[in-house]
């Protein structure tokens, strides 16, 4: 059975940005604001011009499908000269509950 979220009265929820490990130039993060063609060109430059053997695309939540679609588009752009190896992992997220009197205080 799915657990329901409790309703919090007189407070607001602030979602913290997920913690990212130290990145290297070949780590590319996909967000809802990211334009697909920009990511494709970035990865192409990394692999063709800068000779990276491995590029990692990162996407969370609703962006997983977009990230997979971008990986497939990159594979087509590079004429199937690359392999796609999808992996998943769990990331802990933190939300802050801020009482209304604290919100009004700031």
PDB file of N, CA and C in Angstrom:
ATOM      1  N   UNK A   1       0.840  -1.181   0.000  1.00  0.00           N
ATOM      2  CA  UNK A   1       0.000   0.000   0.000  1.00  0.00           C
ATOM      3  C   UNK A   1       0.882   1.240   0.000  1.00  0.00           C
ATOM      4  N   UNK A   2       0.515   2.196  -0.796  1.00  0.00           N
ATOM      5  CA  UNK A   2       1.309   3.413  -0.913  1.00  0.00           C
ATOM      6  C   UNK A   2       1.028   4.349   0.259  1.00  0.00           C
ATOM      7  N   UNK A   3       2.112   4.849   0.865  1.00  0.00           N
ATOM      8  CA  UNK A   3       1.969   5.758   2.000  1.00  0.00           C
ATOM      9  C   UNK A   3       1.681   7.157   1.496  1.00  0.00           C
ATOM     10  N   UNK A   4       0.713   7.825   2.106  1.00  0.00           N
ATOM     11  CA  UNK A   4       0.374   9.189   1.700  1.00  0.00           C
ATOM     12  C   UNK A   4       1.253  10.173   2.439  1.00  0.00           C
ATOM     13  N   UNK A   5       1.550  11.281   1.757  1.00  0.00           N
ATOM     14  CA  UNK A   5       2.299  12.359   2.410  1.00  0.00           C
ATOM     15  C   UNK A   5       1.396  13.077   3.391  1.00  0.00           C
ATOM     16  N   UNK A   6       1.932  13.417   4.529  1.00  0.00           N
ATOM     17  CA  UNK A   6       1.127  14.153   5.490  1.00  0.00           C
ATOM     18  C   UNK A   6       1.007  15.613   5.059  1.00  0.00           C
ATOM     19  N   UNK A   7      -0.131  16.192   5.349  1.00  0.00           N
ATOM     20  CA  UNK A   7      -0.364  17.598   5.014  1.00  0.00           C
ATOM     21  C   UNK A   7       0.160  18.431   6.170  1.00  0.00           C
ATOM     22  N   UNK A   8       0.950  19.419   5.838  1.00  0.00           N
ATOM     23  CA  UNK A   8       1.563  20.256   6.858  1.00  0.00           C
ATOM     24  C   UNK A   8       0.889  21.615   6.822  1.00  0.00           C
ATOM     25  N   UNK A   9       0.240  21.959   7.923  1.00  0.00           N
ATOM     26  CA  UNK A   9      -0.426  23.258   7.999  1.00  0.00           C
ATOM     27  C   UNK A   9       0.509  24.255   8.660  1.00  0.00           C
ATOM     28  N   UNK A  10       0.382  25.498   8.272  1.00  0.00           N
ATOM     29  CA  UNK A  10       1.167  26.595   8.845  1.00  0.00           C
ATOM     30  C   UNK A  10       2.668  26.402   8.637  1.00  0.00           C
ATOM     31  N   UNK A  11       3.036  25.793   7.507  1.00  0.00           N
ATOM     32  CA  UNK A  11       4.454  25.615   7.183  1.00  0.00           C
ATOM     33  C   UNK A  11       4.595  25.493   5.671  1.00  0.00           C
ATOM     34  N   UNK A  12       5.807  25.700   5.202  1.00  0.00           N
ATOM     35  CA  UNK A  12       6.078  25.510   3.775  1.00  0.00           C
ATOM     36  C   UNK A  12       7.233  24.530   3.630  1.00  0.00           C
ATOM     37  N   UNK A  13       7.266  23.885   2.468  1.00  0.00           N
ATOM     38  CA  UNK A  13       8.314  22.900   2.214  1.00  0.00           C
ATOM     39  C   UNK A  13       9.307  23.504   1.239  1.00  0.00           C
ATOM     40  N   UNK A  14      10.567  23.473   1.612  1.00  0.00           N
ATOM     41  CA  UNK A  14      11.650  23.962   0.753  1.00  0.00           C
ATOM     42  C   UNK A  14      12.459  22.745   0.313  1.00  0.00           C
ATOM     43  N   UNK A  15      12.479  22.493  -1.009  1.00  0.00           N
ATOM     44  CA  UNK A  15      13.217  21.345  -1.539  1.00  0.00           C
ATOM     45  C   UNK A  15      14.664  21.761  -1.801  1.00  0.00           C
ATOM     46  N   UNK A  16      15.581  21.077  -1.158  1.00  0.00           N
ATOM     47  CA  UNK A  16      17.007  21.353  -1.381  1.00  0.00           C
ATOM     48  C   UNK A  16      17.452  20.746  -2.701  1.00  0.00           C
ATOM     49  N   UNK A  17      18.438  21.371  -3.312  1.00  0.00           N
ATOM     50  CA  UNK A  17      19.027  20.812  -4.532  1.00  0.00           C
ATOM     51  C   UNK A  17      19.774  19.532  -4.157  1.00  0.00           C
ATOM     52  N   UNK A  18      19.726  18.520  -5.022  1.00  0.00           N
ATOM     53  CA  UNK A  18      20.445  17.283  -4.715  1.00  0.00           C
ATOM     54  C   UNK A  18      21.951  17.513  -4.642  1.00  0.00           C
ATOM     55  N   UNK A  19      22.601  16.799  -3.750  1.00  0.00           N
ATOM     56  CA  UNK A  19      24.053  16.894  -3.621  1.00  0.00           C
ATOM     57  C   UNK A  19      24.705  16.199  -4.810  1.00  0.00           C
ATOM     58  N   UNK A  20      25.640  16.870  -5.424  1.00  0.00           N
ATOM     59  CA  UNK A  20      26.380  16.275  -6.543  1.00  0.00           C
ATOM     60  C   UNK A  20      27.794  15.976  -6.093  1.00  0.00           C
ATOM     61  N   UNK A  21      28.289  14.819  -6.469  1.00  0.00           N
ATOM     62  CA  UNK A  21      29.694  14.554  -6.158  1.00  0.00           C
ATOM     63  C   UNK A  21      30.581  15.449  -7.016  1.00  0.00           C
ATOM     64  N   UNK A  22      31.843  15.501  -6.681  1.00  0.00           N
ATOM     65  CA  UNK A  22      32.781  16.295  -7.482  1.00  0.00           C
ATOM     66  C   UNK A  22      32.677  15.841  -8.939  1.00  0.00           C
ATOM     67  N   UNK A  23      32.568  16.806  -9.828  1.00  0.00           N
ATOM     68  CA  UNK A  23      32.381  16.447 -11.233  1.00  0.00           C
ATOM     69  C   UNK A  23      33.686  16.574 -12.013  1.00  0.00           C
ATOM     70  N   UNK A  24      33.708  15.866 -13.098  1.00  0.00           N
ATOM     71  CA  UNK A  24      34.814  15.967 -14.039  1.00  0.00           C
ATOM     72  C   UNK A  24      34.228  16.505 -15.335  1.00  0.00           C
ATOM     73  N   UNK A  25      35.049  17.004 -16.248  1.00  0.00           N
ATOM     74  CA  UNK A  25      34.508  17.615 -17.465  1.00  0.00           C
ATOM     75  C   UNK A  25      33.602  16.698 -18.282  1.00  0.00           C
ATOM     76  N   UNK A  26      33.746  15.398 -18.144  1.00  0.00           N
ATOM     77  CA  UNK A  26      32.921  14.480 -18.936  1.00  0.00           C
ATOM     78  C   UNK A  26      31.595  14.123 -18.255  1.00  0.00           C
ATOM     79  N   UNK A  27      31.281  14.755 -17.124  1.00  0.00           N
ATOM     80  CA  UNK A  27      29.967  14.593 -16.491  1.00  0.00           C
ATOM     81  C   UNK A  27      29.048  15.673 -17.037  1.00  0.00           C
ATOM     82  N   UNK A  28      27.904  15.265 -17.581  1.00  0.00           N
ATOM     83  CA  UNK A  28      26.946  16.206 -18.146  1.00  0.00           C
ATOM     84  C   UNK A  28      25.611  15.979 -17.449  1.00  0.00           C
ATOM     85  N   UNK A  29      25.067  17.043 -16.844  1.00  0.00           N
ATOM     86  CA  UNK A  29      23.807  16.949 -16.114  1.00  0.00           C
ATOM     87  C   UNK A  29      22.663  17.446 -16.981  1.00  0.00           C
ATOM     88  N   UNK A  30      21.562  16.694 -16.989  1.00  0.00           N
ATOM     89  CA  UNK A  30      20.380  17.037 -17.778  1.00  0.00           C
ATOM     90  C   UNK A  30      19.303  17.525 -16.816  1.00  0.00           C
ATOM     91  N   UNK A  31      18.770  18.717 -17.080  1.00  0.00           N
ATOM     92  CA  UNK A  31      17.673  19.242 -16.272  1.00  0.00           C
ATOM     93  C   UNK A  31      16.504  19.569 -17.196  1.00  0.00           C
ATOM     94  N   UNK A  32      15.398  20.001 -16.606  1.00  0.00           N
ATOM     95  CA  UNK A  32      14.239  20.335 -17.433  1.00  0.00           C
ATOM     96  C   UNK A  32      14.494  21.565 -18.296  1.00  0.00           C
ATOM     97  N   UNK A  33      15.468  22.377 -17.919  1.00  0.00           N
ATOM     98  CA  UNK A  33      15.804  23.579 -18.692  1.00  0.00           C
ATOM     99  C   UNK A  33      16.778  23.292 -19.837  1.00  0.00           C
ATOM    100  N   UNK A  34      17.424  22.138 -19.791  1.00  0.00           N
ATOM    101  CA  UNK A  34      18.461  21.803 -20.754  1.00  0.00           C
ATOM    102  C   UNK A  34      17.878  21.591 -22.145  1.00  0.00           C
ATOM    103  N   UNK A  35      18.480  22.223 -23.132  1.00  0.00           N
ATOM    104  CA  UNK A  35      18.071  22.018 -24.518  1.00  0.00           C
ATOM    105  C   UNK A  35      18.811  20.800 -25.068  1.00  0.00           C
ATOM    106  N   UNK A  36      18.055  19.914 -25.687  1.00  0.00           N
ATOM    107  CA  UNK A  36      18.587  18.644 -26.177  1.00  0.00           C
ATOM    108  C   UNK A  36      19.757  18.848 -27.130  1.00  0.00           C
ATOM    109  N   UNK A  37      19.597  19.751 -28.099  1.00  0.00           N
ATOM    110  CA  UNK A  37      20.670  19.930 -29.095  1.00  0.00           C
ATOM    111  C   UNK A  37      21.956  20.472 -28.473  1.00  0.00           C
ATOM    112  N   UNK A  38      21.861  21.221 -27.405  1.00  0.00           N
ATOM    113  CA  UNK A  38      23.055  21.745 -26.723  1.00  0.00           C
ATOM    114  C   UNK A  38      23.827  20.594 -26.071  1.00  0.00           C
ATOM    115  N   UNK A  39      23.114  19.674 -25.426  1.00  0.00           N
ATOM    116  CA  UNK A  39      23.763  18.516 -24.791  1.00  0.00           C
ATOM    117  C   UNK A  39      24.403  17.623 -25.853  1.00  0.00           C
ATOM    118  N   UNK A  40      23.682  17.379 -26.936  1.00  0.00           N
ATOM    119  CA  UNK A  40      24.222  16.534 -28.001  1.00  0.00           C
ATOM    120  C   UNK A  40      25.521  17.130 -28.534  1.00  0.00           C
ATOM    121  N   UNK A  41      25.539  18.414 -28.780  1.00  0.00           N
ATOM    122  CA  UNK A  41      26.751  19.071 -29.295  1.00  0.00           C
ATOM    123  C   UNK A  41      27.872  19.037 -28.263  1.00  0.00           C
ATOM    124  N   UNK A  42      27.537  19.241 -26.988  1.00  0.00           N
ATOM    125  CA  UNK A  42      28.547  19.202 -25.916  1.00  0.00           C
ATOM    126  C   UNK A  42      29.206  17.828 -25.854  1.00  0.00           C
ATOM    127  N   UNK A  43      28.412  16.779 -25.878  1.00  0.00           N
ATOM    128  CA  UNK A  43      28.958  15.418 -25.806  1.00  0.00           C
ATOM    129  C   UNK A  43      29.775  15.112 -27.063  1.00  0.00           C
ATOM    130  N   UNK A  44      29.285  15.535 -28.225  1.00  0.00           N
ATOM    131  CA  UNK A  44      30.032  15.314 -29.465  1.00  0.00           C
ATOM    132  C   UNK A  44      31.402  15.983 -29.395  1.00  0.00           C
ATOM    133  N   UNK A  45      31.455  17.212 -28.880  1.00  0.00           N
ATOM    134  CA  UNK A  45      32.734  17.917 -28.736  1.00  0.00           C
ATOM    135  C   UNK A  45      33.647  17.194 -27.758  1.00  0.00           C
ATOM    136  N   UNK A  46      33.089  16.728 -26.645  1.00  0.00           N
ATOM    137  CA  UNK A  46      33.911  16.006 -25.667  1.00  0.00           C
ATOM    138  C   UNK A  46      34.511  14.739 -26.271  1.00  0.00           C
ATOM    139  N   UNK A  47      33.708  14.008 -27.018  1.00  0.00           N
ATOM    140  CA  UNK A  47      34.169  12.711 -27.528  1.00  0.00           C
ATOM    141  C   UNK A  47      35.010  12.838 -28.797  1.00  0.00           C
ATOM    142  N   UNK A  48      34.671  13.761 -29.667  1.00  0.00           N
ATOM    143  CA  UNK A  48      35.383  13.872 -30.945  1.00  0.00           C
ATOM    144  C   UNK A  48      36.572  14.821 -30.836  1.00  0.00           C
ATOM    145  N   UNK A  49      36.337  16.036 -30.372  1.00  0.00           N
ATOM    146  CA  UNK A  49      37.403  17.044 -30.330  1.00  0.00           C
ATOM    147  C   UNK A  49      38.356  16.860 -29.150  1.00  0.00           C
ATOM    148  N   UNK A  50      37.789  16.557 -27.973  1.00  0.00           N
ATOM    149  CA  UNK A  50      38.624  16.452 -26.779  1.00  0.00           C
ATOM    150  C   UNK A  50      39.018  15.008 -26.463  1.00  0.00           C
ATOM    151  N   UNK A  51      38.571  14.076 -27.266  1.00  0.00           N
ATOM    152  CA  UNK A  51      38.987  12.663 -27.206  1.00  0.00           C
ATOM    153  C   UNK A  51      38.652  11.947 -25.893  1.00  0.00           C
ATOM    154  N   UNK A  52      37.553  12.322 -25.247  1.00  0.00           N
ATOM    155  CA  UNK A  52      37.127  11.575 -24.055  1.00  0.00           C
ATOM    156  C   UNK A  52      36.591  10.226 -24.505  1.00  0.00           C
ATOM    157  N   UNK A  53      36.987   9.171 -23.820  1.00  0.00           N
ATOM    158  CA  UNK A  53      36.531   7.817 -24.138  1.00  0.00           C
ATOM    159  C   UNK A  53      35.172   7.530 -23.505  1.00  0.00           C
ATOM    160  N   UNK A  54      34.871   8.266 -22.413  1.00  0.00           N
ATOM    161  CA  UNK A  54      33.633   8.033 -21.676  1.00  0.00           C
ATOM    162  C   UNK A  54      33.024   9.364 -21.270  1.00  0.00           C
ATOM    163  N   UNK A  55      31.724   9.514 -21.518  1.00  0.00           N
ATOM    164  CA  UNK A  55      30.971  10.679 -21.066  1.00  0.00           C
ATOM    165  C   UNK A  55      29.778  10.149 -20.284  1.00  0.00           C
ATOM    166  N   UNK A  56      29.501  10.740 -19.134  1.00  0.00           N
ATOM    167  CA  UNK A  56      28.397  10.291 -18.292  1.00  0.00           C
ATOM    168  C   UNK A  56      27.300  11.342 -18.289  1.00  0.00           C
ATOM    169  N   UNK A  57      26.095  10.924 -18.683  1.00  0.00           N
ATOM    170  CA  UNK A  57      24.925  11.793 -18.615  1.00  0.00           C
ATOM    171  C   UNK A  57      24.195  11.496 -17.319  1.00  0.00           C
ATOM    172  N   UNK A  58      23.808  12.538 -16.589  1.00  0.00           N
ATOM    173  CA  UNK A  58      23.099  12.376 -15.321  1.00  0.00           C
ATOM    174  C   UNK A  58      21.708  12.987 -15.458  1.00  0.00           C
ATOM    175  N   UNK A  59      20.684  12.237 -15.062  1.00  0.00           N
ATOM    176  CA  UNK A  59      19.319  12.746 -15.051  1.00  0.00           C
ATOM    177  C   UNK A  59      18.588  12.187 -13.848  1.00  0.00           C
ATOM    178  N   UNK A  60      17.739  13.012 -13.229  1.00  0.00           N
ATOM    179  CA  UNK A  60      16.997  12.569 -12.043  1.00  0.00           C
ATOM    180  C   UNK A  60      15.502  12.684 -12.278  1.00  0.00           C
ATOM    181  N   UNK A  61      14.770  11.775 -11.677  1.00  0.00           N
ATOM    182  CA  UNK A  61      13.315  11.847 -11.669  1.00  0.00           C
ATOM    183  C   UNK A  61      12.711  11.910 -13.056  1.00  0.00           C
ATOM    184  N   UNK A  62      11.944  12.959 -13.302  1.00  0.00           N
ATOM    185  CA  UNK A  62      11.239  13.122 -14.571  1.00  0.00           C
ATOM    186  C   UNK A  62      12.203  13.280 -15.746  1.00  0.00           C
ATOM    187  N   UNK A  63      13.463  13.574 -15.478  1.00  0.00           N
ATOM    188  CA  UNK A  63      14.436  13.778 -16.551  1.00  0.00           C
ATOM    189  C   UNK A  63      15.097  12.484 -17.027  1.00  0.00           C
ATOM    190  N   UNK A  64      14.764  11.348 -16.406  1.00  0.00           N
ATOM    191  CA  UNK A  64      15.362  10.078 -16.823  1.00  0.00           C
ATOM    192  C   UNK A  64      15.044   9.770 -18.280  1.00  0.00           C
ATOM    193  N   UNK A  65      13.784   9.915 -18.666  1.00  0.00           N
ATOM    194  CA  UNK A  65      13.396   9.620 -20.043  1.00  0.00           C
ATOM    195  C   UNK A  65      14.116  10.553 -21.018  1.00  0.00           C
ATOM    196  N   UNK A  66      14.175  11.836 -20.670  1.00  0.00           N
ATOM    197  CA  UNK A  66      14.873  12.806 -21.528  1.00  0.00           C
ATOM    198  C   UNK A  66      16.351  12.444 -21.654  1.00  0.00           C
ATOM    199  N   UNK A  67      16.968  12.027 -20.563  1.00  0.00           N
ATOM    200  CA  UNK A  67      18.383  11.662 -20.574  1.00  0.00           C
ATOM    201  C   UNK A  67      18.626  10.451 -21.474  1.00  0.00           C
ATOM    202  N   UNK A  68      17.743   9.472 -21.398  1.00  0.00           N
ATOM    203  CA  UNK A  68      17.874   8.285 -22.263  1.00  0.00           C
ATOM    204  C   UNK A  68      17.694   8.671 -23.722  1.00  0.00           C
ATOM    205  N   UNK A  69      16.717   9.531 -24.003  1.00  0.00           N
ATOM    206  CA  UNK A  69      16.484   9.971 -25.380  1.00  0.00           C
ATOM    207  C   UNK A  69      17.686  10.746 -25.922  1.00  0.00           C
ATOM    208  N   UNK A  70      18.298  11.558 -25.082  1.00  0.00           N
ATOM    209  CA  UNK A  70      19.497  12.305 -25.499  1.00  0.00           C
ATOM    210  C   UNK A  70      20.640  11.328 -25.789  1.00  0.00           C
ATOM    211  N   UNK A  71      20.815  10.320 -24.938  1.00  0.00           N
ATOM    212  CA  UNK A  71      21.876   9.325 -25.156  1.00  0.00           C
ATOM    213  C   UNK A  71      21.672   8.611 -26.491  1.00  0.00           C
ATOM    214  N   UNK A  72      20.434   8.267 -26.798  1.00  0.00           N
ATOM    215  CA  UNK A  72      20.145   7.610 -28.072  1.00  0.00           C
ATOM    216  C   UNK A  72      20.389   8.548 -29.249  1.00  0.00           C
ATOM    217  N   UNK A  73      20.043   9.827 -29.093  1.00  0.00           N
ATOM    218  CA  UNK A  73      20.283  10.808 -30.155  1.00  0.00           C
ATOM    219  C   UNK A  73      21.778  11.004 -30.384  1.00  0.00           C
ATOM    220  N   UNK A  74      22.558  11.004 -29.305  1.00  0.00           N
ATOM    221  CA  UNK A  74      24.020  11.121 -29.428  1.00  0.00           C
ATOM    222  C   UNK A  74      24.576   9.913 -30.169  1.00  0.00           C
ATOM    223  N   UNK A  75      24.061   8.750 -29.845  1.00  0.00           N
ATOM    224  CA  UNK A  75      24.508   7.531 -30.514  1.00  0.00           C
ATOM    225  C   UNK A  75      24.232   7.618 -32.022  1.00  0.00           C
ATOM    226  N   UNK A  76      23.050   8.113 -32.395  1.00  0.00           N
ATOM    227  CA  UNK A  76      22.735   8.283 -33.827  1.00  0.00           C
ATOM    228  C   UNK A  76      23.630   9.339 -34.468  1.00  0.00           C
ATOM    229  N   UNK A  77      23.867  10.458 -33.748  1.00  0.00           N
ATOM    230  CA  UNK A  77      24.706  11.540 -34.264  1.00  0.00           C
ATOM    231  C   UNK A  77      26.119  11.060 -34.543  1.00  0.00           C
ATOM    232  N   UNK A  78      26.626  10.182 -33.683  1.00  0.00           N
ATOM    233  CA  UNK A  78      27.986   9.660 -33.840  1.00  0.00           C
ATOM    234  C   UNK A  78      27.995   8.342 -34.626  1.00  0.00           C
ATOM    235  N   UNK A  79      26.926   8.102 -35.390  1.00  0.00           N
ATOM    236  CA  UNK A  79      26.827   6.960 -36.299  1.00  0.00           C
ATOM    237  C   UNK A  79      27.076   5.625 -35.601  1.00  0.00           C
ATOM    238  N   UNK A  80      26.497   5.469 -34.411  1.00  0.00           N
ATOM    239  CA  UNK A  80      26.555   4.224 -33.632  1.00  0.00           C
ATOM    240  C   UNK A  80      27.989   3.774 -33.341  1.00  0.00           C
ATOM    241  N   UNK A  81      28.897   4.726 -33.202  1.00  0.00           N
ATOM    242  CA  UNK A  81      30.287   4.411 -32.853  1.00  0.00           C
ATOM    243  C   UNK A  81      30.484   4.343 -31.346  1.00  0.00           C
ATOM    244  N   UNK A  82      29.425   4.605 -30.580  1.00  0.00           N
ATOM    245  CA  UNK A  82      29.524   4.556 -29.118  1.00  0.00           C
ATOM    246  C   UNK A  82      28.522   3.544 -28.577  1.00  0.00           C
ATOM    247  N   UNK A  83      28.796   3.054 -27.379  1.00  0.00           N
ATOM    248  CA  UNK A  83      27.879   2.157 -26.684  1.00  0.00           C
ATOM    249  C   UNK A  83      27.200   2.932 -25.572  1.00  0.00           C
ATOM    250  N   UNK A  84      25.947   2.598 -25.326  1.00  0.00           N
ATOM    251  CA  UNK A  84      25.204   3.195 -24.219  1.00  0.00           C
ATOM    252  C   UNK A  84      25.105   2.140 -23.126  1.00  0.00           C
ATOM    253  N   UNK A  85      25.516   2.516 -21.916  1.00  0.00           N
ATOM    254  CA  UNK A  85      25.456   1.600 -20.775  1.00  0.00           C
ATOM    255  C   UNK A  85      24.690   2.278 -19.644  1.00  0.00           C
ATOM    256  N   UNK A  86      23.354   2.120 -19.625  1.00  0.00           N
ATOM    257  CA  UNK A  86      22.574   2.783 -18.572  1.00  0.00           C
ATOM    258  C   UNK A  86      22.793   2.144 -17.207  1.00  0.00           C
ATOM    259  N   UNK A  87      22.896   2.980 -16.203  1.00  0.00           N
ATOM    260  CA  UNK A  87      22.981   2.515 -14.814  1.00  0.00           C
ATOM    261  C   UNK A  87      22.059   3.389 -13.978  1.00  0.00           C
ATOM    262  N   UNK A  88      21.658   2.885 -12.837  1.00  0.00           N
ATOM    263  CA  UNK A  88      20.822   3.665 -11.928  1.00  0.00           C
ATOM    264  C   UNK A  88      21.419   3.598 -10.533  1.00  0.00           C
ATOM    265  N   UNK A  89      21.094   4.593  -9.743  1.00  0.00           N
ATOM    266  CA  UNK A  89      21.479   4.589  -8.337  1.00  0.00           C
ATOM    267  C   UNK A  89      20.490   5.445  -7.571  1.00  0.00           C
ATOM    268  N   UNK A  90      20.471   5.276  -6.284  1.00  0.00           N
ATOM    269  CA  UNK A  90      19.567   6.031  -5.431  1.00  0.00           C
ATOM    270  C   UNK A  90      20.317   7.193  -4.808  1.00  0.00           C
ATOM    271  N   UNK A  91      19.666   8.339  -4.801  1.00  0.00           N
ATOM    272  CA  UNK A  91      20.254   9.538  -4.217  1.00  0.00           C
ATOM    273  C   UNK A  91      19.327  10.015  -3.111  1.00  0.00           C
ATOM    274  N   UNK A  92      19.869  10.304  -1.949  1.00  0.00           N
ATOM    275  CA  UNK A  92      19.068  10.804  -0.835  1.00  0.00           C
ATOM    276  C   UNK A  92      18.768  12.285  -1.056  1.00  0.00           C
ATOM    277  N   UNK A  93      17.504  12.654  -0.904  1.00  0.00           N
ATOM    278  CA  UNK A  93      17.091  14.041  -1.041  1.00  0.00           C
ATOM    279  C   UNK A  93      16.578  14.540   0.296  1.00  0.00           C
ATOM    280  N   UNK A  94      16.702  15.848   0.532  1.00  0.00           N
ATOM    281  CA  UNK A  94      16.273  16.432   1.795  1.00  0.00           C
ATOM    282  C   UNK A  94      15.328  17.598   1.503  1.00  0.00           C
ATOM    283  N   UNK A  95      14.185  17.602   2.186  1.00  0.00           N
ATOM    284  CA  UNK A  95      13.258  18.728   2.135  1.00  0.00           C
ATOM    285  C   UNK A  95      13.253  19.376   3.511  1.00  0.00           C
ATOM    286  N   UNK A  96      13.226  20.698   3.540  1.00  0.00           N
ATOM    287  CA  UNK A  96      13.140  21.419   4.804  1.00  0.00           C
ATOM    288  C   UNK A  96      11.697  21.873   5.010  1.00  0.00           C
ATOM    289  N   UNK A  97      11.188  21.673   6.208  1.00  0.00           N
ATOM    290  CA  UNK A  97       9.860  22.158   6.558  1.00  0.00           C
ATOM    291  C   UNK A  97      10.063  23.414   7.381  1.00  0.00           C
ATOM    292  N   UNK A  98       9.576  24.525   6.844  1.00  0.00           N
ATOM    293  CA  UNK A  98       9.793  25.822   7.489  1.00  0.00           C
ATOM    294  C   UNK A  98       8.461  26.329   8.028  1.00  0.00           C
ATOM    295  N   UNK A  99       8.348  26.477   9.341  1.00  0.00           N
ATOM    296  CA  UNK A  99       7.110  26.989   9.924  1.00  0.00           C
ATOM    297  C   UNK A  99       6.804  28.397   9.401  1.00  0.00           C
ATOM    298  N   UNK A 100       5.515  28.718   9.270  1.00  0.00           N
ATOM    299  CA  UNK A 100       5.102  30.021   8.735  1.00  0.00           C
ATOM    300  C   UNK A 100       5.697  31.188   9.524  1.00  0.00           C
ATOM    301  N   UNK A 101       5.804  31.047  10.847  1.00  0.00           N
ATOM    302  CA  UNK A 101       6.359  32.161  11.631  1.00  0.00           C
ATOM    303  C   UNK A 101       7.831  32.385  11.289  1.00  0.00           C
ATOM    304  N   UNK A 102       8.552  31.358  10.856  1.00  0.00           N
ATOM    305  CA  UNK A 102       9.943  31.516  10.415  1.00  0.00           C
ATOM    306  C   UNK A 102       9.992  32.168   9.039  1.00  0.00           C
ATOM    307  N   UNK A 103       9.051  31.837   8.172  1.00  0.00           N
ATOM    308  CA  UNK A 103       9.000  32.420   6.839  1.00  0.00           C
ATOM    309  C   UNK A 103       8.729  33.909   6.952  1.00  0.00           C
ATOM    310  N   UNK A 104       7.793  34.281   7.798  1.00  0.00           N
ATOM    311  CA  UNK A 104       7.451  35.695   7.965  1.00  0.00           C
ATOM    312  C   UNK A 104       8.538  36.474   8.679  1.00  0.00           C
ATOM    313  N   UNK A 105       9.360  35.775   9.463  1.00  0.00           N
ATOM    314  CA  UNK A 105      10.434  36.414  10.220  1.00  0.00           C
ATOM    315  C   UNK A 105      11.522  36.966   9.292  1.00  0.00           C
ATOM    316  N   UNK A 106      11.806  36.237   8.182  1.00  0.00           N
ATOM    317  CA  UNK A 106      12.896  36.619   7.274  1.00  0.00           C
ATOM    318  C   UNK A 106      12.455  37.686   6.397  1.00  0.00           C
TER     319      UNK A 106
END
